[in-house]
Amino acid sequence: MNDPSFQPIQRSLLDEMGLTEKEWARRRAWLAFTEEDVERLRELNKFASSYADLVIEELYNHFLSFEETKAFFRDPQTLQRVKSLQKAYFKGLTEGDYGLDYVAGRVNIGSVHARIGLEVKWYMGAYTFYMRTVGERIFRQFKNDLDKALSYYFSLKKLAYLDMILAIETIIFLREQTIRQQQEAIRELSTPVLQLREGLLILPIIGLIDTQRARQLTQGLLGAIRATRARVVILDITGVPAVDSKVANHLIQTVDASRLMGAIVIVTGLSGDVAQALVTIGVDLSRIRTVGDLQGGMEEAERILGYRVVRDENPARGTVR
């Protein structure tokens, strides 16, 4: 099933999926798709062109008989465009040109299906319907030579499996890519580096810290230090319920890396349980400057930066000098 917005896929997606000439040749060899199969499909092409319109009509009548697939074709103009694209797609099965351009077209089918949210079960069902319908026609056409009919059908079936694998692999790849991007966005939102004033950053951490998140935290902080030329960083872990030895070592490495970039790190919000756990597992805390809470950390940071807070006689205002 195609989408009316079908566009040629960029070769970059093939590169990302590792679909090179060598890989494509390996896949064809694995399914025993040989030059003999290519020749058979070329021989079948003229006959395939004769039944293409009828098969497509039957296929889309089948689609329209189910509410789930009918929903994709509410607009009559869209239905006609998609039928035309589908016809071209299935004609491509017997044209005999199966290089990387062919692969790119099949990968594009998968990307379109991923974009419109088509479930794999409908794609597989459509292909099953097509192969059954075409198979019936092939065996009727060559009923006097069943060996030839079988050879044509099996060659077509091999290519169909190659197609289905490409499309489904693309759907899975793009969905996993979307999940990774969403996870990355969530991690960035969960560890924001905020600039409180010139030379001062704060990184509030909430929730559990695993190794991957700790690494991402360090990278984000170092990038912010460089971008803002920060001299002091407050690392607030008030919202961190537990810290194990791996995470503690990551924090120490973050402190050391920040120091190399010219920034002093103040860790605030150590809970009693976390402090006791760090002592129990033998983490060297001598390299970390700690302050009990965030307010104390800000006061310490302002002292380092040379700021002085003076209470105004008017309690509605405060002046920082």
Protein backbone atom coordinates (compact mmCIF):
# COMPACT_ATOMS: atom_id res chain seq x y z
CA MET A 1 0.00 0.00 0.00
CA ASN A 2 1.44 3.32 -1.05
CA ASP A 3 0.88 6.91 -0.02
CA PRO A 4 0.08 9.66 -2.58
CA SER A 5 3.00 11.66 -1.21
CA PHE A 6 5.43 8.96 -2.38
CA GLN A 7 8.85 10.49 -2.94
CA PRO A 8 12.15 8.85 -3.96
CA ILE A 9 14.03 7.81 -0.87
CA GLN A 10 17.37 9.43 -0.21
CA ARG A 11 20.33 7.12 -0.46
CA SER A 12 21.39 8.27 3.01
CA LEU A 13 18.72 6.00 4.53
CA LEU A 14 20.15 3.03 2.66
CA ASP A 15 23.57 3.91 4.08
CA GLU A 16 22.16 4.18 7.60
CA MET A 17 20.55 0.75 7.23
CA GLY A 18 23.73 -0.74 5.76
CA LEU A 19 22.06 -1.61 2.45
CA THR A 20 25.10 -1.62 0.21
CA GLU A 21 25.62 -3.44 -3.09
CA LYS A 22 27.46 -6.17 -1.19
CA GLU A 23 24.70 -6.54 1.41
CA TRP A 24 22.00 -6.65 -1.25
CA ALA A 25 23.90 -9.33 -3.14
CA ARG A 26 24.26 -11.32 0.09
CA ARG A 27 20.53 -11.15 0.73
CA ARG A 28 19.71 -12.29 -2.79
CA ALA A 29 22.14 -15.20 -2.39
CA TRP A 30 20.60 -16.14 0.97
CA LEU A 31 17.16 -16.52 -0.64
CA ALA A 32 18.72 -18.21 -3.69
CA PHE A 33 17.45 -15.44 -5.95
CA THR A 34 19.58 -16.10 -9.04
CA GLU A 35 19.94 -14.78 -12.58
CA GLU A 36 17.63 -17.60 -13.66
CA ASP A 37 14.94 -16.08 -11.44
CA VAL A 38 15.59 -12.68 -13.01
CA GLU A 39 15.13 -14.11 -16.49
CA ARG A 40 11.91 -15.89 -15.52
CA LEU A 41 10.46 -12.66 -14.11
CA ARG A 42 11.37 -10.81 -17.30
CA GLU A 43 9.56 -13.51 -19.29
CA LEU A 44 6.57 -13.11 -17.00
CA ASN A 45 6.48 -9.32 -17.39
CA LYS A 46 4.22 -9.19 -20.47
CA PHE A 47 1.67 -11.47 -18.85
CA ALA A 48 1.92 -9.54 -15.56
CA SER A 49 1.10 -6.31 -17.39
CA SER A 50 -2.07 -7.88 -18.71
CA TYR A 51 -3.44 -8.75 -15.28
CA ALA A 52 -2.11 -5.73 -13.34
CA ASP A 53 -5.29 -3.63 -13.53
CA LEU A 54 -7.59 -6.47 -12.53
CA VAL A 55 -5.40 -7.54 -9.61
CA ILE A 56 -5.15 -3.99 -8.30
CA GLU A 57 -8.93 -3.58 -8.47
CA GLU A 58 -9.42 -6.82 -6.56
CA LEU A 59 -6.80 -5.79 -4.01
CA TYR A 60 -8.40 -2.43 -3.31
CA ASN A 61 -11.88 -3.91 -3.17
CA HIS A 62 -10.42 -6.12 -0.47
CA PHE A 63 -8.97 -3.07 1.33
CA LEU A 64 -12.28 -1.24 1.17
CA SER A 65 -14.13 -4.18 2.70
CA PHE A 66 -12.35 -3.66 6.05
CA GLU A 67 -12.93 -0.53 8.12
CA GLU A 68 -9.31 -0.42 9.33
CA THR A 69 -7.84 -0.23 5.81
CA LYS A 70 -10.76 1.64 4.29
CA ALA A 71 -9.85 4.58 6.56
CA PHE A 72 -6.74 5.23 4.44
CA PHE A 73 -8.81 5.84 1.29
CA ARG A 74 -11.70 8.13 2.22
CA ASP A 75 -10.86 10.56 -0.58
CA PRO A 76 -11.67 9.17 -4.08
CA GLN A 77 -8.83 11.15 -5.70
CA THR A 78 -6.38 9.75 -3.18
CA LEU A 79 -7.66 6.25 -3.91
CA GLN A 80 -7.05 6.65 -7.65
CA ARG A 81 -3.54 8.04 -7.16
CA VAL A 82 -2.65 5.25 -4.79
CA LYS A 83 -3.97 2.63 -7.20
CA SER A 84 -1.75 4.07 -9.92
CA LEU A 85 1.29 3.96 -7.66
CA GLN A 86 0.45 0.44 -6.53
CA LYS A 87 0.20 -0.70 -10.13
CA ALA A 88 3.65 0.72 -10.87
CA TYR A 89 4.98 -0.95 -7.73
CA PHE A 90 3.78 -4.41 -8.69
CA LYS A 91 4.85 -4.00 -12.31
CA GLY A 92 8.34 -3.37 -10.96
CA LEU A 93 8.35 -6.92 -9.64
CA THR A 94 8.69 -8.36 -13.14
CA GLU A 95 10.73 -5.71 -14.97
CA GLY A 96 14.02 -7.50 -14.29
CA ASP A 97 16.02 -4.56 -12.85
CA TYR A 98 16.89 -5.36 -9.24
CA GLY A 99 19.83 -3.13 -8.37
CA LEU A 100 20.13 -0.53 -5.58
CA ASP A 101 17.59 1.75 -7.26
CA TYR A 102 15.08 -1.06 -6.86
CA VAL A 103 16.11 -1.43 -3.20
CA ALA A 104 15.69 2.31 -2.67
CA GLY A 105 12.16 2.15 -4.02
CA ARG A 106 11.23 -0.71 -1.70
CA VAL A 107 12.81 1.03 1.28
CA ASN A 108 10.76 4.08 0.40
CA ILE A 109 7.61 1.95 0.61
CA GLY A 110 8.57 1.05 4.16
CA SER A 111 9.29 4.68 5.06
CA VAL A 112 5.88 5.77 3.73
CA HIS A 113 4.17 3.04 5.74
CA ALA A 114 6.06 4.11 8.86
CA ARG A 115 5.06 7.75 8.29
CA ILE A 116 1.34 7.07 7.88
CA GLY A 117 1.31 4.57 10.76
CA LEU A 118 0.32 1.53 8.71
CA GLU A 119 0.53 -1.61 10.81
CA VAL A 120 2.69 -4.45 9.52
CA LYS A 121 -0.27 -6.87 9.62
CA TRP A 122 -2.08 -4.87 6.91
CA TYR A 123 1.02 -4.71 4.71
CA MET A 124 1.60 -8.46 5.06
CA GLY A 125 -2.06 -9.14 4.43
CA ALA A 126 -2.01 -7.06 1.24
CA TYR A 127 1.04 -8.91 -0.05
CA THR A 128 -0.52 -12.29 0.80
CA PHE A 129 -3.66 -11.31 -1.12
CA TYR A 130 -1.57 -10.20 -4.10
CA MET A 131 0.53 -13.40 -4.21
CA ARG A 132 -2.55 -15.61 -3.94
CA THR A 133 -4.41 -13.72 -6.67
CA VAL A 134 -1.42 -13.60 -9.02
CA GLY A 135 -0.58 -17.24 -8.33
CA GLU A 136 -4.06 -18.31 -9.43
CA ARG A 137 -3.62 -16.43 -12.72
CA ILE A 138 -0.17 -17.86 -13.38
CA PHE A 139 -1.37 -21.44 -12.90
CA ARG A 140 -4.42 -20.87 -15.11
CA GLN A 141 -2.25 -19.31 -17.83
CA PHE A 142 0.29 -22.14 -17.81
CA LYS A 143 -2.03 -25.01 -16.87
CA ASN A 144 -0.51 -27.14 -19.63
CA ASP A 145 3.01 -26.68 -18.27
CA LEU A 146 2.87 -26.87 -14.47
CA ASP A 147 6.65 -26.98 -14.16
CA LYS A 148 6.90 -23.59 -15.88
CA ALA A 149 4.06 -22.23 -13.76
CA LEU A 150 5.82 -23.35 -10.58
CA SER A 151 9.15 -21.87 -11.68
CA TYR A 152 7.51 -18.50 -12.44
CA TYR A 153 5.62 -18.49 -9.17
CA PHE A 154 8.62 -19.46 -7.03
CA SER A 155 10.82 -16.79 -8.66
CA LEU A 156 8.13 -14.20 -7.95
CA LYS A 157 7.78 -15.48 -4.40
CA LYS A 158 11.51 -15.10 -3.72
CA LEU A 159 11.42 -11.49 -4.85
CA ALA A 160 8.27 -10.86 -2.82
CA TYR A 161 10.06 -12.05 0.31
CA LEU A 162 13.01 -9.77 -0.44
CA ASP A 163 10.55 -6.88 -0.83
CA MET A 164 8.67 -7.64 2.37
CA ILE A 165 11.87 -7.94 4.37
CA LEU A 166 13.08 -4.56 3.08
CA ALA A 167 9.80 -2.80 3.83
CA ILE A 168 9.36 -4.28 7.32
CA GLU A 169 13.01 -3.70 8.18
CA THR A 170 12.60 -0.05 7.17
CA ILE A 171 9.46 0.34 9.31
CA ILE A 172 11.26 -1.12 12.33
CA PHE A 173 14.40 0.94 11.71
CA LEU A 174 12.49 4.23 11.46
CA ARG A 175 10.33 3.47 14.49
CA GLU A 176 13.41 2.64 16.55
CA GLN A 177 15.04 5.82 15.26
CA THR A 178 12.01 7.83 16.39
CA ILE A 179 12.13 6.16 19.81
CA ARG A 180 15.83 6.98 20.14
CA GLN A 181 15.19 10.62 19.22
CA GLN A 182 12.34 10.84 21.71
CA GLN A 183 14.49 9.30 24.43
CA GLU A 184 17.26 11.77 23.65
CA ALA A 185 14.81 14.67 23.85
CA ILE A 186 13.49 13.39 27.19
CA ARG A 187 17.02 13.08 28.55
CA GLU A 188 17.82 16.62 27.47
CA LEU A 189 14.66 17.93 29.11
CA SER A 190 15.38 15.96 32.28
CA THR A 191 18.88 17.45 32.68
CA PRO A 192 18.63 21.16 31.73
CA VAL A 193 21.72 23.32 32.23
CA LEU A 194 20.51 26.76 33.33
CA GLN A 195 22.50 29.99 33.43
CA LEU A 196 21.58 31.90 36.58
CA ARG A 197 23.86 34.82 35.88
CA GLU A 198 27.13 35.55 34.15
CA GLY A 199 29.67 32.91 35.07
CA LEU A 200 27.19 30.74 37.03
CA LEU A 201 25.37 27.61 35.83
CA ILE A 202 23.03 25.28 37.67
CA LEU A 203 22.25 21.69 36.73
CA PRO A 204 19.30 20.30 38.71
CA ILE A 205 19.06 16.51 38.48
CA ILE A 206 15.83 14.68 39.25
CA GLY A 207 15.30 10.94 39.24
CA LEU A 208 17.57 7.94 38.96
CA ILE A 209 20.90 8.31 37.21
CA ASP A 210 22.14 5.43 35.12
CA THR A 211 25.44 5.25 33.30
CA GLN A 212 24.02 6.48 30.00
CA ARG A 213 22.26 9.43 31.60
CA ALA A 214 25.36 10.32 33.61
CA ARG A 215 27.44 10.36 30.42
CA GLN A 216 24.89 12.54 28.65
CA LEU A 217 24.76 14.84 31.67
CA THR A 218 28.51 15.32 31.57
CA GLN A 219 28.56 16.06 27.85
CA GLY A 220 25.77 18.61 28.18
CA LEU A 221 27.40 20.34 31.12
CA LEU A 222 30.82 20.59 29.49
CA GLY A 223 29.24 22.02 26.36
CA ALA A 224 27.40 24.65 28.43
CA ILE A 225 30.56 25.57 30.33
CA ARG A 226 32.37 26.18 27.08
CA ALA A 227 29.47 28.10 25.51
CA THR A 228 28.91 30.41 28.51
CA ARG A 229 32.50 30.52 29.83
CA ALA A 230 31.10 29.62 33.24
CA ARG A 231 33.37 29.78 36.28
CA VAL A 232 31.08 28.04 38.78
CA VAL A 233 28.57 25.20 38.38
CA ILE A 234 26.02 24.11 40.95
CA LEU A 235 25.17 20.43 40.57
CA ASP A 236 21.99 19.93 42.57
CA ILE A 237 21.09 16.31 43.31
CA THR A 238 18.28 16.95 45.77
CA GLY A 239 15.92 14.95 43.56
CA VAL A 240 18.24 11.95 43.18
CA PRO A 241 17.00 9.07 45.38
CA ALA A 242 20.05 6.81 45.05
CA VAL A 243 23.63 6.91 43.80
CA ASP A 244 25.74 3.78 43.25
CA SER A 245 29.49 3.56 42.80
CA LYS A 246 29.34 3.86 38.98
CA VAL A 247 27.22 7.00 39.13
CA ALA A 248 29.40 8.46 41.91
CA ASN A 249 32.48 7.92 39.78
CA HIS A 250 30.74 9.63 36.86
CA LEU A 251 30.01 12.61 39.10
CA ILE A 252 33.64 12.76 40.16
CA GLN A 253 34.72 12.60 36.52
CA THR A 254 32.27 15.41 35.73
CA VAL A 255 33.78 17.51 38.49
CA ASP A 256 37.31 16.82 37.25
CA ALA A 257 36.42 17.54 33.61
CA SER A 258 34.70 20.79 34.60
CA ARG A 259 37.75 21.81 36.61
CA LEU A 260 39.95 21.25 33.55
CA MET A 261 37.69 23.65 31.68
CA GLY A 262 38.13 26.28 34.38
CA ALA A 263 34.87 25.80 36.30
CA ILE A 264 34.39 24.95 39.97
CA VAL A 265 31.60 22.47 40.70
CA ILE A 266 29.54 22.69 43.87
CA VAL A 267 27.40 19.64 44.63
CA THR A 268 24.28 20.40 46.62
CA GLY A 269 21.35 18.43 47.97
CA LEU A 270 23.11 15.33 49.23
CA SER A 271 20.52 13.41 51.25
CA GLY A 272 21.54 11.51 54.34
CA ASP A 273 20.94 8.17 52.63
CA VAL A 274 23.00 9.13 49.59
CA ALA A 275 25.84 10.51 51.72
CA GLN A 276 25.91 7.37 53.85
CA ALA A 277 25.84 5.17 50.75
CA LEU A 278 28.77 7.05 49.21
CA VAL A 279 30.80 6.63 52.40
CA THR A 280 29.89 2.94 52.61
CA ILE A 281 31.01 2.15 49.07
CA GLY A 282 34.25 4.06 49.64
CA VAL A 283 33.86 6.88 47.14
CA ASP A 284 36.63 9.50 47.41
CA LEU A 285 34.72 12.69 48.19
CA SER A 286 37.81 14.80 48.81
CA ARG A 287 37.69 16.02 45.19
CA ILE A 288 34.09 17.21 45.45
CA ARG A 289 32.99 20.49 47.01
CA THR A 290 29.65 19.87 48.72
CA VAL A 291 27.09 22.15 50.35
CA GLY A 292 24.00 20.98 52.20
CA ASP A 293 21.26 22.60 50.14
CA LEU A 294 20.70 24.64 47.00
CA GLN A 295 20.47 27.97 48.82
CA GLY A 296 23.80 27.33 50.49
CA GLY A 297 25.27 26.35 47.15
CA MET A 298 24.14 29.60 45.56
CA GLU A 299 25.62 31.61 48.41
CA GLU A 300 28.91 29.74 48.04
CA ALA A 301 28.89 30.28 44.27
CA GLU A 302 28.25 34.02 44.66
CA ARG A 303 31.09 34.24 47.16
CA ILE A 304 33.45 32.56 44.69
CA LEU A 305 32.32 34.91 41.93
CA GLY A 306 32.75 37.96 44.16
CA TYR A 307 29.11 38.90 44.59
CA ARG A 308 27.81 40.24 47.90
CA VAL A 309 24.16 40.19 48.93
CA VAL A 310 23.02 43.22 50.92
CA ARG A 311 19.58 43.48 52.51
CA ASP A 312 17.74 46.64 51.54
CA GLU A 313 15.90 48.61 54.22
CA ASN A 314 12.76 48.11 52.12
CA PRO A 315 11.95 44.40 52.53
CA ALA A 316 10.12 44.38 49.21
CA ARG A 317 13.40 44.76 47.34
CA GLY A 318 16.81 43.15 47.46
CA THR A 319 20.03 44.39 45.91
CA VAL A 320 22.96 42.27 44.88
CA ARG A 321 26.35 43.91 44.79
